[in-house]
Amino acid sequence: MSTTSESTDSTTEQRGQYDLDGIRQRAASRTEALTERPLDSVHTVEYNDEAGRWRTLVDVVERRSIPDTQDILGVYRIEFDDRGNAVAFERLQRYRRGDRISFVH
């Protein structure tokens, strides 16, 4: 699996019709439709050569609280094919915004 980050030049990480930045934007636009909750951030975008899919991890606000450090966020994995179609979707975990967590891959 080749892993990329947002700091990588997206022109060097092109797969099919989408590059790194294109998939990040696609994940941001599809998240609310898939989860029916507001997107907080896209924090991982990577391409899996073996599966031929883009994998993203996004944070979604599942419950707002005051103070906002008590918001409950969900970490979701959304996978896209080379044409930018969402082909897999799963909530991996939930956490409080103020908690330290390690992300599950």
C-alpha atoms as a PDB file:
ATOM      1  CA  MET A   1       0.000   0.000   0.000  1.00  0.00           C
ATOM      2  CA  SER A   2       1.388   3.388  -0.878  1.00  0.00           C
ATOM      3  CA  THR A   3       0.448   6.068   1.604  1.00  0.00           C
ATOM      4  CA  THR A   4       0.132   9.736   0.768  1.00  0.00           C
ATOM      5  CA  SER A   5      -0.497  12.843   2.811  1.00  0.00           C
ATOM      6  CA  GLU A   6      -2.040  16.212   2.085  1.00  0.00           C
ATOM      7  CA  SER A   7       1.424  17.757   1.825  1.00  0.00           C
ATOM      8  CA  THR A   8       2.280  15.511  -1.145  1.00  0.00           C
ATOM      9  CA  ASP A   9       2.097  17.185  -4.553  1.00  0.00           C
ATOM     10  CA  SER A  10      -1.224  15.895  -5.862  1.00  0.00           C
ATOM     11  CA  THR A  11       0.017  15.744  -9.450  1.00  0.00           C
ATOM     12  CA  THR A  12       2.421  12.952  -8.498  1.00  0.00           C
ATOM     13  CA  GLU A  13      -0.335  10.895  -6.858  1.00  0.00           C
ATOM     14  CA  GLN A  14      -2.785  10.523  -9.706  1.00  0.00           C
ATOM     15  CA  ARG A  15      -4.900   7.375  -9.996  1.00  0.00           C
ATOM     16  CA  GLY A  16      -7.634   7.067 -12.604  1.00  0.00           C
ATOM     17  CA  GLN A  17      -9.658  10.258 -12.883  1.00  0.00           C
ATOM     18  CA  TYR A  18      -8.828  11.497  -9.379  1.00  0.00           C
ATOM     19  CA  ASP A  19      -5.700  12.703  -7.642  1.00  0.00           C
ATOM     20  CA  LEU A  20      -5.055  13.157  -3.918  1.00  0.00           C
ATOM     21  CA  ASP A  21      -6.702  16.565  -3.651  1.00  0.00           C
ATOM     22  CA  GLY A  22      -9.646  15.484  -5.813  1.00  0.00           C
ATOM     23  CA  ILE A  23     -10.381  12.537  -3.526  1.00  0.00           C
ATOM     24  CA  ARG A  24     -10.031  14.758  -0.430  1.00  0.00           C
ATOM     25  CA  GLN A  25     -12.629  17.103  -1.912  1.00  0.00           C
ATOM     26  CA  ARG A  26     -14.832  14.164  -2.916  1.00  0.00           C
ATOM     27  CA  ALA A  27     -14.683  12.761   0.637  1.00  0.00           C
ATOM     28  CA  ALA A  28     -15.599  16.161   2.074  1.00  0.00           C
ATOM     29  CA  SER A  29     -18.589  16.521  -0.246  1.00  0.00           C
ATOM     30  CA  ARG A  30     -19.893  12.946   0.215  1.00  0.00           C
ATOM     31  CA  THR A  31     -19.488  12.685   3.996  1.00  0.00           C
ATOM     32  CA  GLU A  32     -22.602  14.610   4.996  1.00  0.00           C
ATOM     33  CA  ALA A  33     -24.751  12.702   2.513  1.00  0.00           C
ATOM     34  CA  LEU A  34     -23.483   9.336   3.772  1.00  0.00           C
ATOM     35  CA  THR A  35     -23.551  10.092   7.514  1.00  0.00           C
ATOM     36  CA  GLU A  36     -26.366  12.671   7.655  1.00  0.00           C
ATOM     37  CA  ARG A  37     -24.119  14.621  10.030  1.00  0.00           C
ATOM     38  CA  PRO A  38     -21.758  17.600   9.555  1.00  0.00           C
ATOM     39  CA  LEU A  39     -18.145  17.029   8.484  1.00  0.00           C
ATOM     40  CA  ASP A  40     -15.491  18.201  10.940  1.00  0.00           C
ATOM     41  CA  SER A  41     -12.351  17.273   8.968  1.00  0.00           C
ATOM     42  CA  VAL A  42     -10.731  14.962   6.439  1.00  0.00           C
ATOM     43  CA  HIS A  43      -7.544  13.768   8.079  1.00  0.00           C
ATOM     44  CA  THR A  44      -6.344  10.831   5.986  1.00  0.00           C
ATOM     45  CA  VAL A  45      -6.258  10.211   2.241  1.00  0.00           C
ATOM     46  CA  GLU A  46      -4.287   7.278   0.859  1.00  0.00           C
ATOM     47  CA  TYR A  47      -4.283   4.997  -2.151  1.00  0.00           C
ATOM     48  CA  ASN A  48      -4.221   1.213  -1.787  1.00  0.00           C
ATOM     49  CA  ASP A  49      -2.449  -0.212  -4.845  1.00  0.00           C
ATOM     50  CA  GLU A  50      -3.557  -3.791  -4.136  1.00  0.00           C
ATOM     51  CA  ALA A  51      -7.263  -2.930  -3.867  1.00  0.00           C
ATOM     52  CA  GLY A  52      -7.160  -0.143  -6.443  1.00  0.00           C
ATOM     53  CA  ARG A  53      -9.070   2.126  -4.085  1.00  0.00           C
ATOM     54  CA  TRP A  54      -8.661   5.446  -2.321  1.00  0.00           C
ATOM     55  CA  ARG A  55      -9.175   5.273   1.449  1.00  0.00           C
ATOM     56  CA  THR A  56     -10.151   8.310   3.500  1.00  0.00           C
ATOM     57  CA  LEU A  57     -10.712   8.866   7.205  1.00  0.00           C
ATOM     58  CA  VAL A  58     -13.038  11.697   8.153  1.00  0.00           C
ATOM     59  CA  ASP A  59     -14.269  13.142  11.436  1.00  0.00           C
ATOM     60  CA  VAL A  60     -17.984  13.825  11.753  1.00  0.00           C
ATOM     61  CA  VAL A  61     -19.723  15.765  14.535  1.00  0.00           C
ATOM     62  CA  GLU A  62     -22.175  13.291  16.035  1.00  0.00           C
ATOM     63  CA  ARG A  63     -23.234  15.448  18.988  1.00  0.00           C
ATOM     64  CA  ARG A  64     -22.471  19.087  19.712  1.00  0.00           C
ATOM     65  CA  SER A  65     -21.788  20.116  23.309  1.00  0.00           C
ATOM     66  CA  ILE A  66     -20.847  23.161  25.351  1.00  0.00           C
ATOM     67  CA  PRO A  67     -17.916  23.505  25.674  1.00  0.00           C
ATOM     68  CA  ASP A  68     -17.041  22.185  22.228  1.00  0.00           C
ATOM     69  CA  THR A  69     -14.208  20.092  23.687  1.00  0.00           C
ATOM     70  CA  GLN A  70     -17.012  17.758  24.795  1.00  0.00           C
ATOM     71  CA  ASP A  71     -18.401  17.293  21.244  1.00  0.00           C
ATOM     72  CA  ILE A  72     -18.729  13.640  20.268  1.00  0.00           C
ATOM     73  CA  LEU A  73     -16.978  12.925  16.958  1.00  0.00           C
ATOM     74  CA  GLY A  74     -17.112   9.804  14.840  1.00  0.00           C
ATOM     75  CA  VAL A  75     -14.222   8.573  12.718  1.00  0.00           C
ATOM     76  CA  TYR A  76     -15.491   7.152   9.429  1.00  0.00           C
ATOM     77  CA  ARG A  77     -13.650   5.324   6.680  1.00  0.00           C
ATOM     78  CA  ILE A  78     -14.910   6.031   3.167  1.00  0.00           C
ATOM     79  CA  GLU A  79     -13.333   4.210   0.229  1.00  0.00           C
ATOM     80  CA  PHE A  80     -13.531   5.395  -3.371  1.00  0.00           C
ATOM     81  CA  ASP A  81     -12.758   3.653  -6.641  1.00  0.00           C
ATOM     82  CA  ASP A  82     -10.636   5.292  -9.339  1.00  0.00           C
ATOM     83  CA  ARG A  83     -13.730   6.970 -10.783  1.00  0.00           C
ATOM     84  CA  GLY A  84     -14.515   8.692  -7.463  1.00  0.00           C
ATOM     85  CA  ASN A  85     -17.485   6.487  -6.565  1.00  0.00           C
ATOM     86  CA  ALA A  86     -17.928   5.697  -2.868  1.00  0.00           C
ATOM     87  CA  VAL A  87     -17.658   1.895  -2.632  1.00  0.00           C
ATOM     88  CA  ALA A  88     -17.246   1.334   1.122  1.00  0.00           C
ATOM     89  CA  PHE A  89     -18.308   3.211   4.239  1.00  0.00           C
ATOM     90  CA  GLU A  90     -17.845   2.384   7.931  1.00  0.00           C
ATOM     91  CA  ARG A  91     -17.759   4.126  11.320  1.00  0.00           C
ATOM     92  CA  LEU A  92     -14.575   3.024  13.062  1.00  0.00           C
ATOM     93  CA  GLN A  93     -14.871   4.729  16.436  1.00  0.00           C
ATOM     94  CA  ARG A  94     -16.307   7.605  18.453  1.00  0.00           C
ATOM     95  CA  TYR A  95     -14.450   9.959  20.760  1.00  0.00           C
ATOM     96  CA  ARG A  96     -14.754  13.231  22.651  1.00  0.00           C
ATOM     97  CA  ARG A  97     -13.092  16.127  20.827  1.00  0.00           C
ATOM     98  CA  GLY A  98     -10.885  16.882  23.841  1.00  0.00           C
ATOM     99  CA  ASP A  99      -9.624  13.275  24.193  1.00  0.00           C
ATOM    100  CA  ARG A 100      -6.344  12.049  22.806  1.00  0.00           C
ATOM    101  CA  ILE A 101      -6.898   9.143  20.440  1.00  0.00           C
ATOM    102  CA  SER A 102      -4.935   7.051  18.024  1.00  0.00           C
ATOM    103  CA  PHE A 103      -6.664   6.518  14.736  1.00  0.00           C
ATOM    104  CA  VAL A 104      -7.571   3.016  13.675  1.00  0.00           C
ATOM    105  CA  HIS A 105      -6.586   2.079  10.122  1.00  0.00           C
END
